Amino acid sequence: MRIGELAERTGTSRRLLRYYEEQGLIIASRGANGYRDYDEPTVDRVIQVRGLLDAGLPTRIIKQILPCLDKPRAIYFPDATPEMIATLEEERDRMARRAECLLRNRDAIAEYLDAVRAYHPAQCHASEVR
């Protein structure tokens, strides 16, 4: 697929996709006309990269761990330094705290919605029908 389709399917700008390619996070083949061509698994890879960036991981770390996230997994770690391991442990712990916070917030919203629906069943039913 061309870069425009990949951008549309992943909600990622073409500029960012080019940056991901420069950083070695995604790979494109080139057609005879010089246009980038991406294979179907690149869609999932871009979504994965965006998620890792949203979680706060820098691209240099993402590049190192991406091979470990593929299935089947081929663990590659000859350049794993103690600093990188410590950084990944910190990021993992930070993600776990964030996930716990999101789950608490989700549960609080669900509880609120249940209470509102119990108190105003006619209003809630009308909004669900639309």
C-alpha atoms as a PDB file:
ATOM      1  CA  MET A   1       0.000   0.000   0.000  1.00  0.00           C
ATOM      2  CA  ARG A   2       1.117   3.575  -0.567  1.00  0.00           C
ATOM      3  CA  ILE A   3       1.945   6.015   2.210  1.00  0.00           C
ATOM      4  CA  GLY A   4      -1.401   7.827   1.895  1.00  0.00           C
ATOM      5  CA  GLU A   5      -3.378   4.653   2.551  1.00  0.00           C
ATOM      6  CA  LEU A   6      -1.125   3.728   5.477  1.00  0.00           C
ATOM      7  CA  ALA A   7      -1.591   7.215   6.909  1.00  0.00           C
ATOM      8  CA  GLU A   8      -5.365   6.948   6.580  1.00  0.00           C
ATOM      9  CA  ARG A   9      -5.589   3.446   8.047  1.00  0.00           C
ATOM     10  CA  THR A  10      -3.422   4.255  11.052  1.00  0.00           C
ATOM     11  CA  GLY A  11      -4.444   7.857  11.679  1.00  0.00           C
ATOM     12  CA  THR A  12      -0.792   8.848  11.366  1.00  0.00           C
ATOM     13  CA  SER A  13       0.507  11.703   9.243  1.00  0.00           C
ATOM     14  CA  ARG A  14       2.690  10.977   6.228  1.00  0.00           C
ATOM     15  CA  ARG A  15       5.396  13.078   7.847  1.00  0.00           C
ATOM     16  CA  LEU A  16       5.409  10.845  10.936  1.00  0.00           C
ATOM     17  CA  LEU A  17       5.454   7.718   8.785  1.00  0.00           C
ATOM     18  CA  ARG A  18       8.535   9.021   6.985  1.00  0.00           C
ATOM     19  CA  TYR A  19      10.102   9.748  10.380  1.00  0.00           C
ATOM     20  CA  TYR A  20       9.317   6.213  11.590  1.00  0.00           C
ATOM     21  CA  GLU A  21      11.010   4.891   8.474  1.00  0.00           C
ATOM     22  CA  GLU A  22      14.083   7.115   9.044  1.00  0.00           C
ATOM     23  CA  GLN A  23      14.287   5.780  12.608  1.00  0.00           C
ATOM     24  CA  GLY A  24      14.105   2.169  11.386  1.00  0.00           C
ATOM     25  CA  LEU A  25      10.750   1.530  13.062  1.00  0.00           C
ATOM     26  CA  ILE A  26       8.990   0.601   9.820  1.00  0.00           C
ATOM     27  CA  ILE A  27      10.287  -0.498   6.440  1.00  0.00           C
ATOM     28  CA  ALA A  28       9.061   0.418   2.993  1.00  0.00           C
ATOM     29  CA  SER A  29      10.038  -1.057  -0.313  1.00  0.00           C
ATOM     30  CA  ARG A  30      10.326   1.264  -3.285  1.00  0.00           C
ATOM     31  CA  GLY A  31       8.560   0.902  -6.575  1.00  0.00           C
ATOM     32  CA  ALA A  32      10.192   1.629  -9.922  1.00  0.00           C
ATOM     33  CA  ASN A  33       8.717   5.115  -9.652  1.00  0.00           C
ATOM     34  CA  GLY A  34      10.397   5.651  -6.251  1.00  0.00           C
ATOM     35  CA  TYR A  35       7.141   5.593  -4.308  1.00  0.00           C
ATOM     36  CA  ARG A  36       7.089   3.896  -0.934  1.00  0.00           C
ATOM     37  CA  ASP A  37       5.190   0.628  -0.723  1.00  0.00           C
ATOM     38  CA  TYR A  38       4.208  -0.868   2.625  1.00  0.00           C
ATOM     39  CA  ASP A  39       3.020  -4.398   3.321  1.00  0.00           C
ATOM     40  CA  GLU A  40      -0.105  -5.181   5.353  1.00  0.00           C
ATOM     41  CA  PRO A  41       1.681  -5.963   8.663  1.00  0.00           C
ATOM     42  CA  THR A  42       3.004  -2.387   8.656  1.00  0.00           C
ATOM     43  CA  VAL A  43      -0.460  -1.183   9.706  1.00  0.00           C
ATOM     44  CA  ASP A  44      -0.179  -3.115  12.975  1.00  0.00           C
ATOM     45  CA  ARG A  45       3.455  -2.072  13.393  1.00  0.00           C
ATOM     46  CA  VAL A  46       2.574   1.632  13.113  1.00  0.00           C
ATOM     47  CA  ILE A  47      -0.251   1.236  15.636  1.00  0.00           C
ATOM     48  CA  GLN A  48       2.161  -0.582  17.948  1.00  0.00           C
ATOM     49  CA  VAL A  49       4.815   2.126  17.574  1.00  0.00           C
ATOM     50  CA  ARG A  50       2.259   4.848  18.263  1.00  0.00           C
ATOM     51  CA  GLY A  51       1.122   3.033  21.391  1.00  0.00           C
ATOM     52  CA  LEU A  52       4.677   2.735  22.655  1.00  0.00           C
ATOM     53  CA  LEU A  53       5.339   6.405  21.919  1.00  0.00           C
ATOM     54  CA  ASP A  54       2.099   7.347  23.698  1.00  0.00           C
ATOM     55  CA  ALA A  55       3.305   5.299  26.663  1.00  0.00           C
ATOM     56  CA  GLY A  56       6.398   7.488  26.783  1.00  0.00           C
ATOM     57  CA  LEU A  57       9.061   5.239  25.286  1.00  0.00           C
ATOM     58  CA  PRO A  58      11.650   7.007  23.134  1.00  0.00           C
ATOM     59  CA  THR A  59      12.174   5.813  19.559  1.00  0.00           C
ATOM     60  CA  ARG A  60      15.682   4.522  20.343  1.00  0.00           C
ATOM     61  CA  ILE A  61      14.220   2.081  22.906  1.00  0.00           C
ATOM     62  CA  ILE A  62      11.269   1.197  20.662  1.00  0.00           C
ATOM     63  CA  LYS A  63      13.665   0.281  17.867  1.00  0.00           C
ATOM     64  CA  GLN A  64      15.518  -2.075  20.181  1.00  0.00           C
ATOM     65  CA  ILE A  65      12.457  -3.851  21.544  1.00  0.00           C
ATOM     66  CA  LEU A  66      10.322  -4.075  18.390  1.00  0.00           C
ATOM     67  CA  PRO A  67      11.852  -7.405  17.332  1.00  0.00           C
ATOM     68  CA  CYS A  68      10.841  -8.803  20.733  1.00  0.00           C
ATOM     69  CA  LEU A  69       7.225  -7.809  20.140  1.00  0.00           C
ATOM     70  CA  ASP A  70       6.803  -9.739  16.896  1.00  0.00           C
ATOM     71  CA  LYS A  71       5.217 -13.144  16.801  1.00  0.00           C
ATOM     72  CA  PRO A  72       6.761 -15.596  16.572  1.00  0.00           C
ATOM     73  CA  ARG A  73       9.083 -13.860  18.955  1.00  0.00           C
ATOM     74  CA  ALA A  74      12.737 -13.727  18.137  1.00  0.00           C
ATOM     75  CA  ILE A  75      14.364 -12.279  21.232  1.00  0.00           C
ATOM     76  CA  TYR A  76      17.398 -10.249  20.247  1.00  0.00           C
ATOM     77  CA  PHE A  77      19.352  -8.596  23.023  1.00  0.00           C
ATOM     78  CA  PRO A  78      23.097  -8.447  22.394  1.00  0.00           C
ATOM     79  CA  ASP A  79      23.054  -4.657  22.848  1.00  0.00           C
ATOM     80  CA  ALA A  80      20.925  -4.672  26.036  1.00  0.00           C
ATOM     81  CA  THR A  81      22.837  -2.474  28.444  1.00  0.00           C
ATOM     82  CA  PRO A  82      22.108  -2.223  32.167  1.00  0.00           C
ATOM     83  CA  GLU A  83      20.822   1.304  31.485  1.00  0.00           C
ATOM     84  CA  MET A  84      18.417   0.051  28.821  1.00  0.00           C
ATOM     85  CA  ILE A  85      17.163  -2.698  31.117  1.00  0.00           C
ATOM     86  CA  ALA A  86      16.626  -0.174  33.924  1.00  0.00           C
ATOM     87  CA  THR A  87      14.804   2.166  31.536  1.00  0.00           C
ATOM     88  CA  LEU A  88      12.538  -0.636  30.346  1.00  0.00           C
ATOM     89  CA  GLU A  89      11.799  -1.687  33.929  1.00  0.00           C
ATOM     90  CA  GLU A  90      10.888   1.897  34.808  1.00  0.00           C
ATOM     91  CA  GLU A  91       8.680   2.197  31.719  1.00  0.00           C
ATOM     92  CA  ARG A  92       6.991  -1.123  32.468  1.00  0.00           C
ATOM     93  CA  ASP A  93       6.241  -0.011  36.027  1.00  0.00           C
ATOM     94  CA  ARG A  94       4.988   3.388  34.832  1.00  0.00           C
ATOM     95  CA  MET A  95       2.713   1.685  32.273  1.00  0.00           C
ATOM     96  CA  ALA A  96       1.357  -0.625  34.980  1.00  0.00           C
ATOM     97  CA  ARG A  97       0.530   2.369  37.185  1.00  0.00           C
ATOM     98  CA  ARG A  98      -1.119   4.121  34.243  1.00  0.00           C
ATOM     99  CA  ALA A  99      -3.127   1.008  33.359  1.00  0.00           C
ATOM    100  CA  GLU A 100      -4.313   0.689  36.964  1.00  0.00           C
ATOM    101  CA  CYS A 101      -5.377   4.346  36.945  1.00  0.00           C
ATOM    102  CA  LEU A 102      -7.240   3.917  33.657  1.00  0.00           C
ATOM    103  CA  LEU A 103      -9.035   0.845  34.987  1.00  0.00           C
ATOM    104  CA  ARG A 104     -10.062   2.709  38.155  1.00  0.00           C
ATOM    105  CA  ASN A 105     -11.367   5.592  36.048  1.00  0.00           C
ATOM    106  CA  ARG A 106     -13.214   3.227  33.723  1.00  0.00           C
ATOM    107  CA  ASP A 107     -14.837   1.498  36.709  1.00  0.00           C
ATOM    108  CA  ALA A 108     -15.803   4.850  38.268  1.00  0.00           C
ATOM    109  CA  ILE A 109     -17.425   5.991  35.017  1.00  0.00           C
ATOM    110  CA  ALA A 110     -19.269   2.675  34.691  1.00  0.00           C
ATOM    111  CA  GLU A 111     -20.509   3.002  38.266  1.00  0.00           C
ATOM    112  CA  TYR A 112     -21.653   6.565  37.589  1.00  0.00           C
ATOM    113  CA  LEU A 113     -23.479   5.500  34.421  1.00  0.00           C
ATOM    114  CA  ASP A 114     -25.200   2.651  36.268  1.00  0.00           C
ATOM    115  CA  ALA A 115     -26.389   5.079  38.945  1.00  0.00           C
ATOM    116  CA  VAL A 116     -27.593   7.619  36.378  1.00  0.00           C
ATOM    117  CA  ARG A 117     -29.421   4.938  34.413  1.00  0.00           C
ATOM    118  CA  ALA A 118     -31.092   3.643  37.580  1.00  0.00           C
ATOM    119  CA  TYR A 119     -32.177   7.157  38.537  1.00  0.00           C
ATOM    120  CA  HIS A 120     -33.258   8.294  35.029  1.00  0.00           C
ATOM    121  CA  PRO A 121     -34.164   5.136  33.092  1.00  0.00           C
ATOM    122  CA  ALA A 122     -36.423   6.932  30.577  1.00  0.00           C
ATOM    123  CA  GLN A 123     -33.749   9.497  29.633  1.00  0.00           C
ATOM    124  CA  CYS A 124     -31.059   6.885  29.247  1.00  0.00           C
ATOM    125  CA  HIS A 125     -33.263   4.696  27.114  1.00  0.00           C
ATOM    126  CA  ALA A 126     -34.081   7.620  24.812  1.00  0.00           C
ATOM    127  CA  SER A 127     -30.374   8.417  24.291  1.00  0.00           C
ATOM    128  CA  GLU A 128     -29.579   4.757  23.553  1.00  0.00           C
ATOM    129  CA  VAL A 129     -32.238   4.604  20.827  1.00  0.00           C
ATOM    130  CA  ARG A 130     -30.696   7.420  18.757  1.00  0.00           C
END
